[in-house]
Protein backbone atom coordinates (compact mmCIF):
# COMPACT_ATOMS: atom_id res chain seq x y z
CA MET A 1 -11.25 11.86 35.95
CA ARG A 2 -11.98 10.17 38.82
CA THR A 3 -15.90 9.23 36.95
CA VAL A 4 -13.70 8.10 33.97
CA LEU A 5 -11.68 5.71 36.43
CA LYS A 6 -14.30 4.49 38.05
CA ILE A 7 -16.39 3.77 34.76
CA TYR A 8 -13.17 1.84 33.49
CA LEU A 9 -12.77 -0.35 36.46
CA VAL A 10 -16.36 -1.21 36.23
CA PHE A 11 -15.71 -2.07 31.97
CA ILE A 12 -12.74 -3.89 33.18
CA LEU A 13 -14.35 -5.94 35.76
CA ILE A 14 -17.93 -6.94 33.10
CA LEU A 15 -14.59 -7.86 30.31
CA SER A 16 -13.39 -10.21 33.48
CA PHE A 17 -16.89 -12.11 33.62
CA LEU A 18 -17.35 -11.90 30.08
CA SER A 19 -14.00 -13.26 29.19
CA SER A 20 -14.16 -16.20 31.94
CA SER A 21 -17.65 -17.70 30.56
CA VAL A 22 -17.88 -20.69 28.79
CA PHE A 23 -18.47 -18.29 25.89
CA ALA A 24 -15.14 -17.03 25.62
CA ALA A 25 -13.11 -17.60 22.76
CA LYS A 26 -9.72 -19.33 23.27
CA PRO A 27 -7.09 -17.10 20.99
CA SER A 28 -4.94 -19.40 18.68
CA ASP A 29 -0.98 -18.27 18.84
CA LYS A 30 -0.66 -13.98 17.68
CA LYS A 31 1.02 -13.72 14.82
CA GLY A 32 1.11 -12.00 11.87
CA ILE A 33 -0.35 -7.66 11.25
CA PHE A 34 -2.05 -6.09 13.98
CA LEU A 35 -4.30 -3.28 13.74
CA SER A 36 -5.29 -1.65 17.37
CA GLU A 37 -8.05 1.67 17.77
CA GLY A 38 -8.01 2.92 21.02
CA ILE A 39 -10.93 5.52 22.22
CA ILE A 40 -10.94 7.49 25.85
CA GLY A 41 -13.82 10.78 26.07
CA PHE A 42 -14.57 12.32 29.44
CA THR A 43 -16.17 15.66 30.18
CA GLN A 44 -15.00 17.57 33.39
CA ARG A 45 -16.61 20.70 34.89
CA TYR A 46 -15.53 22.43 38.71
CA SER A 47 -15.02 25.91 40.05
CA SER A 48 -11.44 27.06 39.90
CA GLY A 49 -12.90 30.02 42.35
CA SER A 50 -15.78 32.19 42.70
CA PRO A 51 -17.50 33.09 39.95
CA ALA A 52 -15.52 31.24 37.72
CA VAL A 53 -16.03 27.96 36.19
CA GLN A 54 -13.97 26.20 33.87
CA GLU A 55 -15.58 22.87 31.70
CA LYS A 56 -12.67 20.49 30.03
CA VAL A 57 -13.61 17.85 27.15
CA LEU A 58 -11.27 15.60 25.92
CA MET A 59 -11.63 13.03 23.15
CA SER A 60 -9.03 10.62 22.20
CA SER A 61 -7.75 8.13 19.96
CA GLU A 62 -5.12 6.03 19.32
CA THR A 63 -4.11 4.10 16.03
CA GLY A 64 -1.90 1.31 15.84
CA LEU A 65 -0.47 -1.05 13.08
CA GLY A 66 2.18 -3.64 13.13
CA TYR A 67 3.73 -6.48 12.49
CA ILE A 68 4.67 -9.81 15.87
CA PHE A 69 7.66 -12.06 14.53
CA GLY A 70 7.92 -14.75 16.67
CA LYS A 71 5.07 -14.80 18.49
CA TRP A 72 5.22 -11.55 20.84
CA PHE A 73 8.08 -9.43 19.24
CA TYR A 74 5.85 -6.28 17.94
CA LEU A 75 7.02 -4.20 15.79
CA GLY A 76 4.84 -1.06 14.27
CA ALA A 77 3.83 2.76 14.09
CA ILE A 78 1.48 4.52 16.09
CA PHE A 79 -0.59 7.43 15.60
CA ASN A 80 -2.48 9.92 18.26
CA TYR A 81 -5.09 11.91 17.71
CA THR A 82 -6.38 14.42 20.72
CA ILE A 83 -8.64 17.67 20.69
CA VAL A 84 -9.04 19.33 24.64
CA ASN A 85 -11.73 21.84 24.74
CA GLU A 86 -11.31 24.28 27.73
CA THR A 87 -13.30 27.09 28.61
CA THR A 88 -13.07 29.76 31.74
CA ASP A 89 -16.33 31.49 32.18
CA ASP A 90 -16.48 33.90 35.05
CA SER A 91 -19.44 35.61 34.49
CA ILE A 92 -17.55 39.18 32.71
CA SER A 93 -15.66 37.30 30.07
CA LYS A 94 -15.63 33.35 28.49
CA VAL A 95 -12.40 32.08 27.58
CA SER A 96 -12.45 28.99 25.72
CA HIS A 97 -9.06 26.93 24.50
CA GLN A 98 -9.39 24.44 21.75
CA ASN A 99 -5.95 21.84 21.81
CA ILE A 100 -5.72 19.29 19.27
CA PHE A 101 -2.65 17.30 19.61
CA GLN A 102 -0.87 14.68 16.92
CA TYR A 103 1.70 12.20 17.50
CA TYR A 104 3.22 9.38 15.50
CA GLY A 105 6.10 7.29 15.05
CA PRO A 106 7.40 3.77 15.37
CA SER A 107 6.50 1.21 18.35
CA LEU A 108 8.00 -1.92 19.79
CA GLY A 109 7.53 -4.07 22.47
CA TRP A 110 6.03 -7.33 23.79
CA MET A 111 2.76 -8.49 22.57
CA GLY A 112 2.13 -11.56 24.46
CA GLU A 113 -1.25 -13.87 24.52
CA ASP A 114 -3.10 -12.05 27.28
CA TRP A 115 -0.87 -8.42 28.69
CA PHE A 116 1.44 -6.76 26.08
CA LEU A 117 3.69 -3.87 26.32
CA LEU A 118 4.83 -1.56 24.02
CA GLY A 119 7.19 1.40 23.80
CA HIS A 120 6.81 4.33 21.10
CA TYR A 121 8.58 7.23 19.96
CA PHE A 122 7.26 10.23 18.77
CA ALA A 123 8.99 11.45 15.71
CA ALA A 124 6.44 14.16 14.98
CA ALA A 125 4.38 15.97 17.64
CA GLU A 126 1.93 19.20 17.69
CA GLN A 127 0.11 21.01 19.74
CA ARG A 128 -2.42 23.64 18.37
CA ASP A 129 -4.55 25.72 20.43
CA THR A 130 -6.63 27.89 19.30
CA VAL A 131 -8.04 30.60 21.72
CA THR A 132 -10.93 32.81 21.47
CA GLY A 133 -12.68 35.63 23.75
CA ASP A 134 -8.66 36.88 24.96
CA GLY A 135 -8.55 39.56 22.96
CA PRO A 136 -10.50 41.39 19.83
CA SER A 137 -9.71 38.63 17.49
CA THR A 138 -8.99 34.35 17.93
CA TYR A 139 -5.46 33.75 17.38
CA THR A 140 -3.48 30.18 17.39
CA ASN A 141 -0.40 28.90 19.25
CA VAL A 142 1.31 25.64 17.37
CA ARG A 143 3.83 24.04 19.09
CA THR A 144 6.12 20.96 17.57
CA GLY A 145 8.19 18.50 19.12
CA THR A 146 9.39 15.17 19.81
CA GLY A 147 8.58 12.45 22.62
CA TYR A 148 8.39 9.16 23.94
CA GLY A 149 5.13 7.31 25.26
CA GLY A 150 4.28 3.53 26.38
CA SER A 151 1.26 1.59 26.56
CA LEU A 152 0.65 -1.21 29.43
CA GLY A 153 -2.56 -3.54 28.40
CA TYR A 154 -4.40 -6.70 29.03
CA LYS A 155 -6.52 -8.55 26.42
CA PHE A 156 -9.34 -10.32 26.72
CA HIS A 157 -10.35 -12.31 24.03
CA LEU A 158 -13.99 -12.07 22.09
CA ASN A 159 -13.10 -14.92 19.21
CA THR A 160 -9.61 -16.04 17.88
CA ILE A 161 -9.03 -12.67 16.12
CA LEU A 162 -10.51 -10.29 18.16
CA ASP A 163 -9.26 -8.71 21.57
CA LEU A 164 -11.05 -6.30 23.62
CA ALA A 165 -8.47 -4.09 25.65
CA PRO A 166 -8.03 -2.01 28.72
CA VAL A 167 -4.73 -0.05 28.30
CA ILE A 168 -3.48 2.32 30.26
CA THR A 169 -0.56 5.08 28.42
CA TYR A 170 1.89 7.29 29.11
CA LYS A 171 3.32 10.28 26.96
CA ALA A 172 5.92 12.67 27.41
CA VAL A 173 6.46 15.24 25.05
CA ASN A 174 9.29 18.27 24.96
CA TYR A 175 8.05 21.22 22.02
CA THR A 176 11.29 23.00 21.10
CA SER A 177 9.84 25.12 18.08
CA CYS A 178 6.99 27.39 19.00
CA ARG A 179 4.79 29.72 15.61
CA ASP A 180 5.73 33.54 16.42
CA LEU A 181 2.22 35.38 16.90
CA ASN A 182 3.79 38.30 15.12
CA THR A 183 5.92 37.50 11.93
CA GLY A 184 4.03 33.14 11.67
CA SER A 185 7.57 31.66 11.98
CA MET A 186 8.76 28.80 13.65
CA SER A 187 11.55 29.16 16.11
CA ALA A 188 12.95 27.71 19.08
CA CYS A 189 10.87 27.66 22.29
CA SER A 190 12.09 29.12 25.18
CA PRO A 191 12.19 27.70 27.61
CA VAL A 192 11.54 24.30 25.97
CA ILE A 193 7.76 22.86 26.80
CA THR A 194 7.17 19.53 28.62
CA GLU A 195 4.07 17.85 28.75
CA SER A 196 3.59 14.46 29.87
CA ASP A 197 0.05 12.62 31.28
CA PHE A 198 -1.57 9.20 31.81
CA LEU A 199 -4.34 7.99 29.64
CA PRO A 200 -6.90 5.11 29.73
CA TYR A 201 -8.39 3.65 27.04
CA ILE A 202 -10.34 0.74 25.65
CA THR A 203 -8.55 -0.47 22.99
CA LEU A 204 -9.76 -3.42 20.05
CA LEU A 205 -7.20 -4.91 18.37
CA ILE A 206 -7.95 -7.19 15.32
CA ASP A 207 -5.38 -9.80 14.21
CA PHE A 208 -5.08 -10.63 10.41
CA GLN A 209 -3.32 -13.84 10.88
């Protein structure tokens, strides 16, 4: 994760140089329909105790669509799709988890000329954890729930309709329903499972003014 943050900071410095150059376009007042697409991906490989080795591969996409009222008030929706593959290999057995997370819901907040701050409510959140190597067959744990999040970003203006922004996001989800592996039916999780994380994104914003 440290390597990801270093690359992220270098990218921000490059954007800062480009946005301050004579080639940077002067943006007009932002208004109308806004589309955003943010992505992040990284791989971690580390030892979790001799001789076990763990590897984690993450790819996340966050899509937003909304409308700006009065030049700054943003109202829209967000959809997040994240895949996390984790493998533990201790030279005797190899267990793999493929976690697929999906969240969606409404968003609102402040969309300024440069900075923006948005809040999200995840009306529906799902985690599907497919496990292989932990027993004779593959099985999938399913959890559903709701949550909330926030995004803070700074826009570097490419032209009058395109912006590129480094964004820090926070997500917190409470999973209240879990699938019973024996019956396949959904029932209340006991206890409720809570997950939260911070992730950096590189986001392209399109203003259909």
